[in-house]
N, C-alpha and C. Protein backbone atom coordinates (compact mmCIF):
# COMPACT_ATOMS: atom_id res chain seq x y z
N MET A 1 0.77 -1.23 0.00
CA MET A 1 0.09 0.10 -0.03
C MET A 1 0.96 1.22 -0.06
N LEU A 2 1.75 1.38 0.85
CA LEU A 2 2.76 2.46 1.03
C LEU A 2 4.14 1.84 0.56
N GLN A 3 4.69 2.84 -0.32
CA GLN A 3 5.95 2.72 -0.70
C GLN A 3 6.80 4.08 -0.63
N VAL A 4 8.11 4.01 0.38
CA VAL A 4 8.86 5.13 0.35
C VAL A 4 10.13 4.80 -0.05
N THR A 5 10.51 5.74 -1.14
CA THR A 5 12.02 5.35 -1.78
C THR A 5 12.98 6.70 -1.56
N ASP A 6 13.85 6.45 -0.98
CA ASP A 6 15.07 7.35 -0.76
C ASP A 6 14.44 8.72 -0.47
N LEU A 7 13.85 8.69 0.58
CA LEU A 7 13.19 9.98 1.14
C LEU A 7 14.14 10.95 1.90
N VAL A 8 14.26 12.18 1.31
CA VAL A 8 14.96 13.14 1.96
C VAL A 8 14.30 14.30 2.36
N CYS A 9 14.25 14.72 3.55
CA CYS A 9 13.39 15.98 3.91
C CYS A 9 14.17 16.79 5.07
N GLY A 10 13.62 18.01 5.35
CA GLY A 10 14.50 18.71 6.49
C GLY A 10 13.79 19.96 6.55
N TYR A 11 14.35 21.04 7.29
CA TYR A 11 14.09 22.23 7.55
C TYR A 11 15.20 23.23 7.16
N GLY A 12 14.92 23.88 5.89
CA GLY A 12 15.84 24.85 5.28
C GLY A 12 17.04 23.90 4.84
N ASP A 13 18.22 24.58 5.21
CA ASP A 13 19.67 23.80 5.10
C ASP A 13 19.79 22.52 5.86
N ILE A 14 18.83 22.35 6.92
CA ILE A 14 19.11 21.09 7.98
C ILE A 14 18.33 19.87 7.46
N ILE A 15 19.18 18.91 7.19
CA ILE A 15 18.51 17.69 6.56
C ILE A 15 18.22 16.69 7.89
N ALA A 16 16.87 16.46 8.02
CA ALA A 16 16.47 15.53 9.27
C ALA A 16 16.32 14.37 8.72
N VAL A 17 15.99 14.05 7.57
CA VAL A 17 15.88 12.50 7.25
C VAL A 17 16.67 12.39 5.82
N HIS A 18 17.60 11.41 5.86
CA HIS A 18 18.43 11.11 4.66
C HIS A 18 18.26 9.67 3.87
N GLY A 19 17.31 9.81 2.84
CA GLY A 19 17.41 8.59 2.17
C GLY A 19 16.63 7.29 2.63
N ILE A 20 15.39 7.58 3.56
CA ILE A 20 14.70 6.55 4.00
C ILE A 20 13.92 5.76 2.87
N SER A 21 13.80 4.44 2.99
CA SER A 21 12.98 3.44 2.00
C SER A 21 12.24 2.47 2.92
N LEU A 22 11.27 2.49 2.59
CA LEU A 22 10.33 1.29 3.23
C LEU A 22 9.11 1.02 2.47
N SER A 23 8.55 -0.06 2.85
CA SER A 23 7.35 -0.66 1.99
C SER A 23 6.30 -1.14 3.10
N LEU A 24 4.99 -0.96 2.91
CA LEU A 24 4.16 -1.37 4.28
C LEU A 24 2.79 -1.78 3.46
N ALA A 25 2.29 -3.01 3.74
CA ALA A 25 1.11 -3.51 3.17
C ALA A 25 -0.17 -3.20 3.99
N GLN A 26 -1.34 -3.38 3.63
CA GLN A 26 -2.52 -3.12 4.31
C GLN A 26 -2.45 -4.07 5.51
N GLY A 27 -2.85 -3.44 6.83
CA GLY A 27 -2.90 -4.11 7.94
C GLY A 27 -1.42 -4.42 8.65
N GLN A 28 -0.35 -4.07 7.86
CA GLN A 28 0.86 -4.16 8.65
C GLN A 28 1.28 -3.08 9.55
N THR A 29 2.12 -3.43 10.62
CA THR A 29 2.51 -2.58 11.59
C THR A 29 4.07 -2.43 11.65
N MET A 30 4.41 -1.15 11.75
CA MET A 30 5.81 -0.93 11.67
C MET A 30 6.38 0.13 12.74
N ALA A 31 7.30 -0.35 13.53
CA ALA A 31 7.93 0.59 14.62
C ALA A 31 8.95 1.36 14.10
N LEU A 32 8.88 2.83 14.48
CA LEU A 32 9.94 3.64 13.91
C LEU A 32 10.68 4.07 15.42
N VAL A 33 11.91 3.60 15.66
CA VAL A 33 12.57 3.56 16.76
C VAL A 33 14.10 4.30 16.65
N GLY A 34 14.16 5.07 17.60
CA GLY A 34 15.55 5.88 17.65
C GLY A 34 15.49 6.94 18.61
N PRO A 35 16.64 7.63 19.14
CA PRO A 35 16.71 8.71 20.19
C PRO A 35 16.20 9.87 19.65
N ASN A 36 15.93 10.65 20.59
CA ASN A 36 15.31 12.10 20.19
C ASN A 36 16.38 12.68 19.07
N GLY A 37 15.71 13.35 18.13
CA GLY A 37 16.61 14.03 17.10
C GLY A 37 16.89 13.01 16.10
N ALA A 38 16.53 11.81 16.09
CA ALA A 38 16.75 10.77 15.02
C ALA A 38 16.17 11.10 13.84
N GLY A 39 14.99 11.74 13.76
CA GLY A 39 14.26 12.12 12.55
C GLY A 39 12.87 11.35 12.46
N LYS A 40 12.65 10.89 13.55
CA LYS A 40 11.11 10.02 13.45
C LYS A 40 10.00 10.93 13.12
N THR A 41 9.88 12.00 13.92
CA THR A 41 8.69 12.85 13.80
C THR A 41 8.71 13.68 12.38
N SER A 42 9.75 13.91 12.02
CA SER A 42 10.07 14.57 10.59
C SER A 42 9.58 13.67 9.53
N PHE A 43 9.99 12.43 9.55
CA PHE A 43 9.57 11.13 8.71
C PHE A 43 8.11 11.29 8.73
N LEU A 44 7.38 11.30 9.90
CA LEU A 44 5.94 11.07 9.78
C LEU A 44 5.30 12.36 9.36
N MET A 45 5.89 13.49 9.47
CA MET A 45 5.56 14.68 9.19
C MET A 45 5.57 14.78 7.63
N ALA A 46 6.47 14.22 6.95
CA ALA A 46 6.51 14.04 5.62
C ALA A 46 5.41 13.21 4.86
N LEU A 47 5.27 12.11 5.56
CA LEU A 47 4.23 11.25 5.03
C LEU A 47 2.94 11.85 5.22
N ALA A 48 2.61 12.49 6.30
CA ALA A 48 1.22 13.17 6.24
C ALA A 48 1.24 14.33 5.48
N GLY A 49 2.20 14.87 4.90
CA GLY A 49 2.13 16.01 4.06
C GLY A 49 2.35 17.25 4.77
N HIS A 50 2.97 17.40 5.88
CA HIS A 50 3.20 18.54 6.57
C HIS A 50 4.66 19.03 6.38
N MET A 51 5.25 18.19 5.64
CA MET A 51 6.90 18.67 5.34
C MET A 51 7.01 18.21 3.87
N GLN A 52 7.35 19.02 2.92
CA GLN A 52 7.73 18.77 1.55
C GLN A 52 9.04 17.84 1.37
N PRO A 53 8.98 16.76 0.78
CA PRO A 53 10.30 15.99 0.65
C PRO A 53 11.16 16.92 -0.33
N GLN A 54 12.46 16.79 0.00
CA GLN A 54 13.51 17.59 -0.92
C GLN A 54 13.88 16.58 -2.02
N SER A 55 13.81 15.54 -1.75
CA SER A 55 13.91 14.46 -2.88
C SER A 55 13.48 13.09 -2.53
N GLY A 56 13.36 12.08 -3.44
CA GLY A 56 12.60 10.89 -3.08
C GLY A 56 11.29 10.68 -3.31
N GLN A 57 10.55 9.53 -3.15
CA GLN A 57 9.26 9.54 -3.50
C GLN A 57 8.30 8.61 -2.60
N ILE A 58 7.02 9.20 -2.35
CA ILE A 58 6.08 8.61 -1.61
C ILE A 58 4.98 8.15 -2.54
N THR A 59 4.78 6.76 -2.50
CA THR A 59 3.50 6.28 -3.21
C THR A 59 2.57 5.75 -2.49
N LEU A 60 1.18 5.76 -2.72
CA LEU A 60 0.28 5.16 -1.79
C LEU A 60 -0.45 4.50 -2.96
N ASP A 61 -0.72 3.00 -3.10
CA ASP A 61 -1.29 2.42 -3.73
C ASP A 61 -0.92 2.73 -5.39
N GLY A 62 0.55 2.75 -5.30
CA GLY A 62 1.25 3.07 -6.46
C GLY A 62 1.26 4.41 -7.25
N ARG A 63 0.46 5.27 -6.53
CA ARG A 63 0.31 6.71 -7.03
C ARG A 63 1.36 7.47 -6.26
N ASN A 64 1.98 8.22 -7.01
CA ASN A 64 3.12 9.26 -6.29
C ASN A 64 2.11 10.48 -5.63
N ILE A 65 2.37 10.60 -4.41
CA ILE A 65 1.61 11.78 -3.55
C ILE A 65 2.43 12.82 -3.14
N ASN A 66 3.79 12.81 -3.62
CA ASN A 66 4.53 13.77 -3.24
C ASN A 66 4.11 15.19 -3.06
N ASN A 67 3.39 15.50 -4.18
CA ASN A 67 2.81 16.89 -4.28
C ASN A 67 1.28 17.29 -3.78
N LEU A 68 0.96 16.15 -3.03
CA LEU A 68 -0.37 16.26 -2.15
C LEU A 68 -0.09 17.13 -0.85
N GLY A 69 -0.94 18.10 -0.49
CA GLY A 69 -0.88 18.64 0.80
C GLY A 69 -1.44 17.49 1.84
N ALA A 70 -1.53 18.05 3.19
CA ALA A 70 -1.94 17.30 4.30
C ALA A 70 -3.26 17.05 4.20
N ALA A 71 -4.03 17.87 3.55
CA ALA A 71 -5.60 17.64 3.47
C ALA A 71 -5.88 16.57 2.64
N GLN A 72 -5.33 16.62 1.39
CA GLN A 72 -5.55 15.80 0.44
C GLN A 72 -4.93 14.35 0.82
N ARG A 73 -4.00 14.51 1.58
CA ARG A 73 -3.37 13.00 1.96
C ARG A 73 -4.50 12.31 3.01
N CYS A 74 -4.96 13.06 3.91
CA CYS A 74 -6.03 12.87 4.85
C CYS A 74 -7.16 12.01 3.86
N GLU A 75 -7.48 12.83 3.01
CA GLU A 75 -8.57 12.37 1.89
C GLU A 75 -8.30 10.88 1.36
N GLU A 76 -6.82 10.74 1.12
CA GLU A 76 -6.49 9.51 0.33
C GLU A 76 -6.21 8.34 1.63
N GLY A 77 -6.44 8.63 2.92
CA GLY A 77 -6.40 7.83 3.71
C GLY A 77 -5.33 7.61 4.88
N ILE A 78 -4.68 8.64 4.82
CA ILE A 78 -3.51 8.80 5.87
C ILE A 78 -4.03 9.55 7.14
N GLY A 79 -4.10 8.99 8.35
CA GLY A 79 -4.47 9.56 9.50
C GLY A 79 -3.26 9.94 10.34
N LEU A 80 -3.29 11.11 11.12
CA LEU A 80 -2.23 11.37 12.07
C LEU A 80 -2.82 11.33 13.52
N VAL A 81 -1.98 10.87 14.36
CA VAL A 81 -2.04 11.16 15.78
C VAL A 81 -0.88 11.94 16.11
N PRO A 82 -0.78 13.09 16.25
CA PRO A 82 0.48 13.99 16.47
C PRO A 82 1.09 13.91 17.86
N GLU A 83 2.31 14.02 17.79
CA GLU A 83 3.20 14.08 19.22
C GLU A 83 2.54 15.60 20.04
N GLY A 84 2.22 15.08 21.22
CA GLY A 84 1.57 16.22 22.10
C GLY A 84 0.06 16.35 21.67
N ARG A 85 -0.65 15.53 20.88
CA ARG A 85 -1.89 15.42 20.71
C ARG A 85 -2.41 16.50 19.88
N ARG A 86 -2.18 17.82 20.11
CA ARG A 86 -2.69 18.98 19.32
C ARG A 86 -4.17 18.82 19.15
N ILE A 87 -4.99 18.53 20.21
CA ILE A 87 -6.30 18.79 20.00
C ILE A 87 -6.88 20.29 20.00
N PHE A 88 -7.96 20.51 19.76
CA PHE A 88 -8.49 21.93 19.86
C PHE A 88 -9.19 22.20 21.21
N PRO A 89 -8.34 22.77 22.14
CA PRO A 89 -8.87 22.77 23.49
C PRO A 89 -10.05 23.49 23.79
N ASP A 90 -10.50 24.48 23.06
CA ASP A 90 -11.50 25.45 23.03
C ASP A 90 -12.79 24.78 22.56
N LEU A 91 -12.75 23.64 21.74
CA LEU A 91 -13.91 23.08 21.10
C LEU A 91 -14.14 21.80 22.23
N SER A 92 -15.39 21.37 21.91
CA SER A 92 -15.90 20.22 22.65
C SER A 92 -15.28 18.81 22.44
N VAL A 93 -15.55 17.79 22.91
CA VAL A 93 -14.93 16.53 22.43
C VAL A 93 -15.73 16.37 21.01
N MET A 94 -17.10 16.45 21.15
CA MET A 94 -17.66 16.25 19.93
C MET A 94 -17.24 17.13 18.66
N GLU A 95 -16.93 18.41 18.90
CA GLU A 95 -16.71 19.21 17.85
C GLU A 95 -15.27 18.78 17.22
N ASN A 96 -14.35 18.35 18.24
CA ASN A 96 -13.08 17.96 17.80
C ASN A 96 -13.23 16.60 16.87
N LEU A 97 -14.05 15.72 17.05
CA LEU A 97 -14.35 14.63 16.42
C LEU A 97 -14.87 14.83 15.03
N ILE A 98 -16.05 15.97 15.05
CA ILE A 98 -16.58 16.31 13.77
C ILE A 98 -15.53 16.90 12.90
N VAL A 99 -14.64 17.49 13.53
CA VAL A 99 -13.37 18.19 12.67
C VAL A 99 -12.71 17.28 12.03
N GLY A 100 -12.52 15.98 12.77
CA GLY A 100 -11.69 14.96 12.11
C GLY A 100 -12.23 14.16 11.00
N GLY A 101 -13.61 14.31 10.89
CA GLY A 101 -14.35 13.75 9.92
C GLY A 101 -14.71 14.54 8.78
N TYR A 102 -14.20 15.84 8.76
CA TYR A 102 -14.55 16.80 7.83
C TYR A 102 -14.63 16.38 6.48
N SER A 103 -13.48 15.56 6.04
CA SER A 103 -13.32 15.31 4.59
C SER A 103 -14.14 14.06 4.25
N ARG A 104 -14.81 13.59 5.21
CA ARG A 104 -15.70 12.57 4.75
C ARG A 104 -17.27 13.01 4.40
N PRO A 105 -17.92 12.22 3.75
CA PRO A 105 -19.25 12.63 3.47
C PRO A 105 -20.08 12.63 4.83
N GLN A 106 -20.96 13.51 4.98
CA GLN A 106 -21.81 13.66 6.41
C GLN A 106 -22.51 12.33 6.66
N ARG A 107 -22.83 11.34 5.73
CA ARG A 107 -23.56 10.34 5.95
C ARG A 107 -22.62 9.24 6.63
N ASP A 108 -21.26 9.52 6.71
CA ASP A 108 -20.37 8.63 7.14
C ASP A 108 -20.00 8.98 8.61
N GLN A 109 -20.24 10.19 9.15
CA GLN A 109 -19.97 10.63 10.41
C GLN A 109 -20.60 9.79 11.62
N SER A 110 -21.84 9.36 11.13
CA SER A 110 -22.57 8.76 12.56
C SER A 110 -21.98 7.39 12.74
N SER A 111 -21.47 6.70 11.52
CA SER A 111 -20.89 5.37 11.84
C SER A 111 -19.51 5.53 12.24
N SER A 112 -18.69 6.57 11.87
CA SER A 112 -17.36 6.81 12.45
C SER A 112 -17.59 7.21 14.01
N LEU A 113 -18.40 8.01 14.26
CA LEU A 113 -18.66 8.18 15.66
C LEU A 113 -18.91 7.06 16.56
N ASP A 114 -19.89 6.07 16.15
CA ASP A 114 -20.11 4.88 16.71
C ASP A 114 -18.86 4.20 16.87
N ARG A 115 -17.99 4.13 15.94
CA ARG A 115 -16.82 3.36 16.12
C ARG A 115 -15.69 3.76 17.06
N VAL A 116 -15.66 5.21 16.97
CA VAL A 116 -14.82 5.76 18.11
C VAL A 116 -15.21 5.48 19.45
N PHE A 117 -16.57 5.91 19.62
CA PHE A 117 -17.18 5.66 21.19
C PHE A 117 -17.23 4.16 21.47
N ASP A 118 -17.28 3.18 20.42
CA ASP A 118 -17.06 1.73 20.85
C ASP A 118 -15.65 1.52 21.47
N ILE A 119 -14.71 2.05 20.90
CA ILE A 119 -13.16 1.88 21.10
C ILE A 119 -12.88 2.64 22.45
N PHE A 120 -13.64 4.01 22.51
CA PHE A 120 -13.14 4.74 23.85
C PHE A 120 -14.46 5.45 24.25
N PRO A 121 -15.05 4.52 25.20
CA PRO A 121 -16.46 4.90 25.87
C PRO A 121 -16.35 6.22 26.53
N ARG A 122 -15.12 6.50 27.13
CA ARG A 122 -15.03 7.65 27.91
C ARG A 122 -15.27 9.09 27.12
N LEU A 123 -14.92 8.93 25.82
CA LEU A 123 -15.13 10.14 24.77
C LEU A 123 -16.72 10.22 24.72
N HIS A 124 -17.38 9.04 24.83
CA HIS A 124 -18.90 9.27 24.56
C HIS A 124 -19.56 9.89 25.81
N ASP A 125 -19.02 9.58 27.14
CA ASP A 125 -19.34 10.22 28.21
C ASP A 125 -19.12 11.72 28.39
N ARG A 126 -17.96 12.07 27.72
CA ARG A 126 -17.45 13.57 27.85
C ARG A 126 -17.58 14.24 26.47
N GLN A 127 -18.39 13.98 25.75
CA GLN A 127 -18.72 14.38 24.27
C GLN A 127 -19.08 15.90 24.23
N LYS A 128 -19.77 16.40 25.40
CA LYS A 128 -19.96 17.67 25.53
C LYS A 128 -19.00 18.59 26.26
N GLN A 129 -17.98 18.02 26.81
CA GLN A 129 -16.91 18.70 27.62
C GLN A 129 -16.04 19.25 26.72
N LEU A 130 -15.31 20.52 27.14
CA LEU A 130 -14.36 21.16 26.69
C LEU A 130 -13.08 20.12 26.33
N ALA A 131 -12.38 19.97 25.33
CA ALA A 131 -11.42 19.13 25.13
C ALA A 131 -10.07 19.54 25.97
N GLY A 132 -10.12 20.76 26.14
CA GLY A 132 -8.90 21.36 27.03
C GLY A 132 -9.01 20.76 28.62
N SER A 133 -10.27 20.42 28.91
CA SER A 133 -10.49 20.04 30.37
C SER A 133 -10.08 18.60 30.52
N LEU A 134 -9.85 17.78 29.69
CA LEU A 134 -9.69 16.43 29.64
C LEU A 134 -8.35 16.20 30.30
N SER A 135 -8.22 14.98 30.98
CA SER A 135 -7.04 14.67 31.39
C SER A 135 -6.03 14.27 30.13
N GLY A 136 -4.79 14.10 30.51
CA GLY A 136 -3.82 13.86 29.32
C GLY A 136 -4.11 12.43 28.68
N GLY A 137 -4.64 11.40 29.40
CA GLY A 137 -5.03 10.33 28.89
C GLY A 137 -6.03 10.39 27.89
N GLU A 138 -7.13 11.19 28.37
CA GLU A 138 -8.50 11.30 27.46
C GLU A 138 -8.00 12.42 26.46
N GLN A 139 -7.16 13.06 26.36
CA GLN A 139 -6.69 14.00 25.41
C GLN A 139 -6.15 12.97 24.22
N GLN A 140 -5.18 12.08 24.62
CA GLN A 140 -4.69 11.16 23.64
C GLN A 140 -5.73 10.25 23.08
N MET A 141 -6.73 9.84 23.73
CA MET A 141 -7.72 9.13 23.03
C MET A 141 -8.63 9.96 22.23
N LEU A 142 -8.64 11.27 22.51
CA LEU A 142 -9.33 12.18 21.60
C LEU A 142 -8.57 12.27 20.38
N ALA A 143 -7.38 12.31 20.42
CA ALA A 143 -6.40 12.48 19.21
C ALA A 143 -6.57 11.33 18.30
N PHE A 144 -6.73 10.08 18.96
CA PHE A 144 -6.89 8.86 18.23
C PHE A 144 -8.15 9.03 17.59
N GLY A 145 -9.26 9.40 18.36
CA GLY A 145 -10.58 9.25 17.76
C GLY A 145 -10.62 10.34 16.76
N ARG A 146 -10.07 11.47 16.71
CA ARG A 146 -10.11 12.54 15.59
C ARG A 146 -9.56 11.88 14.38
N ALA A 147 -8.46 11.33 14.63
CA ALA A 147 -7.91 10.60 13.38
C ALA A 147 -8.77 9.52 12.76
N MET A 148 -9.39 8.93 13.63
CA MET A 148 -10.09 7.77 13.08
C MET A 148 -11.46 8.14 12.38
N MET A 149 -11.81 9.43 12.46
CA MET A 149 -13.06 9.81 11.77
C MET A 149 -12.91 10.12 10.45
N SER A 150 -11.67 10.21 10.05
CA SER A 150 -11.48 10.31 8.53
C SER A 150 -11.36 8.77 8.01
N ARG A 151 -11.48 7.94 8.62
CA ARG A 151 -11.50 6.52 8.12
C ARG A 151 -10.14 6.18 7.42
N PRO A 152 -9.11 6.38 8.05
CA PRO A 152 -7.85 6.16 7.46
C PRO A 152 -7.46 4.62 7.07
N ARG A 153 -6.56 4.47 6.25
CA ARG A 153 -6.20 3.03 5.89
C ARG A 153 -4.85 2.91 6.36
N LEU A 154 -4.21 4.15 6.78
CA LEU A 154 -2.69 4.08 7.20
C LEU A 154 -2.91 5.24 8.39
N MET A 155 -2.51 4.79 9.57
CA MET A 155 -2.41 5.66 10.82
C MET A 155 -1.01 5.88 11.31
N LEU A 156 -0.62 7.14 11.35
CA LEU A 156 0.50 7.49 11.83
C LEU A 156 0.59 7.92 13.27
N VAL A 157 1.37 7.38 14.15
CA VAL A 157 1.00 7.62 15.69
C VAL A 157 2.25 7.98 16.16
N ASP A 158 2.54 9.27 16.73
CA ASP A 158 3.82 9.79 17.03
C ASP A 158 3.77 9.85 18.50
N GLU A 159 4.67 9.35 19.10
CA GLU A 159 4.86 9.05 20.73
C GLU A 159 3.40 8.68 21.27
N LEU A 160 3.06 7.58 21.30
CA LEU A 160 1.83 7.12 21.77
C LEU A 160 1.82 7.07 23.35
N SER A 161 2.77 6.74 24.19
CA SER A 161 2.75 6.91 25.58
C SER A 161 3.28 7.98 26.17
N LEU A 162 3.59 9.07 25.47
CA LEU A 162 4.47 10.00 26.11
C LEU A 162 3.41 10.89 27.20
N GLY A 163 3.99 10.72 28.53
CA GLY A 163 3.28 11.56 29.45
C GLY A 163 1.95 10.89 30.07
N LEU A 164 1.85 9.58 29.59
CA LEU A 164 0.72 9.02 30.09
C LEU A 164 0.64 7.64 31.10
N MET A 165 -0.23 7.46 31.78
CA MET A 165 -0.18 6.60 32.89
C MET A 165 -0.22 5.16 32.22
N PRO A 166 0.38 4.37 32.88
CA PRO A 166 0.38 2.70 31.98
C PRO A 166 -0.91 2.18 31.78
N SER A 167 -1.90 2.61 32.51
CA SER A 167 -3.22 1.82 32.26
C SER A 167 -3.61 2.72 30.93
N VAL A 168 -3.47 3.90 30.76
CA VAL A 168 -3.95 4.65 29.51
C VAL A 168 -3.23 3.95 28.25
N VAL A 169 -2.04 3.83 28.63
CA VAL A 169 -1.25 3.25 27.45
C VAL A 169 -1.64 1.99 26.94
N ASP A 170 -2.11 1.20 27.95
CA ASP A 170 -2.48 -0.11 27.49
C ASP A 170 -3.94 0.11 26.64
N GLU A 171 -4.61 1.13 27.02
CA GLU A 171 -6.03 1.22 26.44
C GLU A 171 -5.58 1.63 24.93
N CYS A 172 -4.63 2.59 24.76
CA CYS A 172 -4.39 3.01 23.53
C CYS A 172 -3.71 1.76 22.53
N TYR A 173 -2.99 1.09 23.21
CA TYR A 173 -2.56 0.06 22.42
C TYR A 173 -3.58 -1.02 22.00
N ALA A 174 -4.56 -1.18 23.06
CA ALA A 174 -5.64 -1.81 22.69
C ALA A 174 -6.56 -1.42 21.52
N ALA A 175 -6.62 -0.28 21.49
CA ALA A 175 -7.42 0.55 20.45
C ALA A 175 -6.61 0.22 18.99
N LEU A 176 -5.40 0.51 19.03
CA LEU A 176 -4.38 -0.08 17.93
C LEU A 176 -4.82 -1.40 17.39
N GLU A 177 -4.77 -2.35 18.34
CA GLU A 177 -5.02 -3.68 17.85
C GLU A 177 -6.30 -3.68 17.26
N LYS A 178 -7.31 -2.87 17.72
CA LYS A 178 -8.48 -3.12 16.90
C LYS A 178 -8.52 -2.48 15.56
N LEU A 179 -7.70 -1.43 15.52
CA LEU A 179 -7.61 -0.95 14.10
C LEU A 179 -6.99 -1.90 13.17
N VAL A 180 -5.76 -2.28 13.72
CA VAL A 180 -5.15 -3.33 12.84
C VAL A 180 -5.70 -4.50 12.48
N ALA A 181 -6.57 -5.08 13.32
CA ALA A 181 -7.59 -6.18 13.05
C ALA A 181 -8.68 -5.82 11.92
N ALA A 182 -8.89 -4.46 11.89
CA ALA A 182 -9.85 -4.04 10.71
C ALA A 182 -8.98 -3.60 9.39
N GLY A 183 -7.83 -3.93 9.44
CA GLY A 183 -7.11 -3.88 8.14
C GLY A 183 -6.19 -2.57 7.92
N ILE A 184 -6.26 -1.73 9.22
CA ILE A 184 -5.58 -0.62 8.93
C ILE A 184 -4.17 -0.65 9.32
N ALA A 185 -3.19 -0.07 8.44
CA ALA A 185 -1.72 -0.18 8.49
C ALA A 185 -1.32 0.91 9.60
N VAL A 186 -0.35 0.67 10.42
CA VAL A 186 0.16 1.45 11.52
C VAL A 186 1.72 1.64 11.40
N ILE A 187 2.10 2.97 11.48
CA ILE A 187 3.50 3.10 11.76
C ILE A 187 3.45 3.97 13.05
N LEU A 188 4.41 3.51 13.94
CA LEU A 188 4.20 3.90 15.43
C LEU A 188 5.67 4.37 15.94
N VAL A 189 5.49 5.30 16.52
CA VAL A 189 6.62 6.05 17.26
C VAL A 189 6.23 5.97 18.57
N ASP A 190 7.08 5.55 19.53
CA ASP A 190 6.73 5.47 21.14
C ASP A 190 8.31 5.75 21.64
N GLN A 191 8.06 6.51 22.70
CA GLN A 191 9.32 6.47 23.69
C GLN A 191 9.72 5.18 24.17
N ASN A 192 8.81 4.53 24.39
CA ASN A 192 8.84 3.03 25.10
C ASN A 192 9.02 2.22 23.82
N SER A 193 10.33 2.04 23.37
CA SER A 193 10.76 1.28 22.21
C SER A 193 10.38 -0.24 22.47
N ASP A 194 10.59 -0.70 23.76
CA ASP A 194 10.22 -2.20 24.11
C ASP A 194 8.73 -2.31 23.60
N ALA A 195 7.76 -1.37 23.97
CA ALA A 195 6.38 -1.61 23.69
C ALA A 195 6.06 -1.59 22.28
N ALA A 196 6.65 -0.51 21.56
CA ALA A 196 6.67 -0.42 20.19
C ALA A 196 6.98 -1.71 19.43
N LEU A 197 8.02 -2.27 19.64
CA LEU A 197 8.61 -3.35 19.04
C LEU A 197 7.86 -4.76 19.23
N ALA A 198 7.23 -4.72 20.63
CA ALA A 198 6.46 -5.88 20.90
C ALA A 198 5.18 -5.81 20.04
N PHE A 199 4.59 -4.71 19.99
CA PHE A 199 3.27 -4.49 19.30
C PHE A 199 3.47 -4.78 17.75
N CYS A 200 4.67 -4.19 17.08
CA CYS A 200 4.58 -4.04 15.61
C CYS A 200 5.17 -5.39 15.22
N SER A 201 5.10 -5.63 13.64
CA SER A 201 5.63 -6.85 13.03
C SER A 201 7.28 -6.45 12.74
N SER A 202 7.20 -5.36 11.96
CA SER A 202 8.37 -4.92 11.44
C SER A 202 8.94 -3.71 12.25
N ALA A 203 10.22 -3.20 12.01
CA ALA A 203 10.79 -2.12 12.63
C ALA A 203 11.78 -1.45 11.73
N ILE A 204 12.22 -0.23 12.01
CA ILE A 204 13.24 0.50 11.29
C ILE A 204 13.76 1.54 12.49
N ILE A 205 15.22 1.40 12.55
CA ILE A 205 16.02 2.25 13.57
C ILE A 205 16.67 3.27 12.96
N LEU A 206 16.28 4.54 13.30
CA LEU A 206 17.07 5.65 12.99
C LEU A 206 18.06 6.27 13.78
N GLU A 207 19.08 6.82 13.28
CA GLU A 207 20.07 7.32 13.91
C GLU A 207 20.45 8.80 12.96
N SER A 208 20.47 9.94 13.63
CA SER A 208 20.89 11.10 13.00
C SER A 208 20.15 11.22 11.55
N GLY A 209 18.85 10.60 11.57
CA GLY A 209 18.30 10.87 10.20
C GLY A 209 18.55 9.66 9.28
N HIS A 210 19.37 8.89 9.73
CA HIS A 210 19.93 7.75 8.77
C HIS A 210 19.18 6.31 9.27
N MET A 211 18.75 5.57 8.12
CA MET A 211 18.37 4.19 8.74
C MET A 211 19.47 3.19 9.03
N SER A 212 19.55 3.03 10.08
CA SER A 212 20.79 2.08 10.65
C SER A 212 20.37 0.63 10.77
N TRP A 213 19.05 0.44 10.73
CA TRP A 213 18.70 -1.20 10.69
C TRP A 213 17.20 -1.12 10.27
N SER A 214 16.76 -2.40 9.68
CA SER A 214 15.36 -2.54 9.43
C SER A 214 15.27 -4.13 9.39
N GLY A 215 14.03 -4.43 9.62
CA GLY A 215 13.52 -5.87 9.54
C GLY A 215 12.62 -6.33 10.72
N ILE A 216 12.53 -7.56 11.00
CA ILE A 216 11.40 -8.08 11.92
C ILE A 216 11.69 -7.41 13.19
N ALA A 217 10.66 -6.85 13.90
CA ALA A 217 10.66 -6.29 15.05
C ALA A 217 11.24 -6.97 16.17
N ASN A 218 10.86 -8.31 16.36
CA ASN A 218 11.54 -9.14 17.35
C ASN A 218 12.89 -9.18 17.02
N ASP A 219 13.43 -9.18 16.02
CA ASP A 219 15.08 -9.12 15.82
C ASP A 219 15.72 -8.11 15.97
N ALA A 220 15.11 -6.80 16.33
CA ALA A 220 15.80 -5.71 16.48
C ALA A 220 16.89 -5.76 17.47
N PRO A 221 18.12 -5.15 17.18
CA PRO A 221 19.21 -5.31 18.14
C PRO A 221 19.11 -4.37 19.32
N GLU A 222 19.16 -4.93 20.57
CA GLU A 222 18.92 -4.30 21.56
C GLU A 222 19.78 -2.90 21.78
N SER A 223 21.04 -3.17 21.39
CA SER A 223 22.11 -2.13 21.51
C SER A 223 21.75 -0.72 20.68
N LEU A 224 21.03 -0.96 19.76
CA LEU A 224 20.30 0.13 18.88
C LEU A 224 18.97 0.76 19.28
N THR A 225 18.33 -0.09 20.30
CA THR A 225 16.99 0.40 20.59
C THR A 225 16.94 1.20 21.88
N HIS A 226 18.08 1.20 22.59
CA HIS A 226 17.93 1.91 24.05
C HIS A 226 18.96 2.95 24.11
């Protein structure tokens, strides 16, 4: 479904990602592992359309999407759960979710909401509450739910467990399992590399923007993941 070939991107003259290549099929899971500053978030931003590649190619279902913006990539089936959640604090939970489904026909919103509330019942209970008043864990659930509203085929998750209690992290991983079971592909970044590698079937290890290792997640060398 996703093919990335020799992707290079960065910020002005600063290169953050140096020639990364990967492929991902429907329903597959991939962990993106590496220290802070390794280029993980930059890579996800390039996939989601928030950063323009300087060279290389991103294809989705065989179609080059390099020139598509973030909104168009969302319509094509790429969802993003960003680092730090980036919810809209002054909107209600329901309004945040509706914004997430903006690219979908109105008739799809009801079924999408049912799916989100089935996976995250707490969001149903708090749908009229301002998003900024939620706990950190609930805000992460909302960020997941907002991304789900666009009915993505590929979910990009940046720093899943950052600042969350272990019980909430477990809920988020359980939600990811349900998405994968429904055929959604996932690229996952998590500061808890052990959890990410245990969840995903494959992995890429980045160091200073370079891909230092790739393969089956269970085979990832411990010396490079910590």
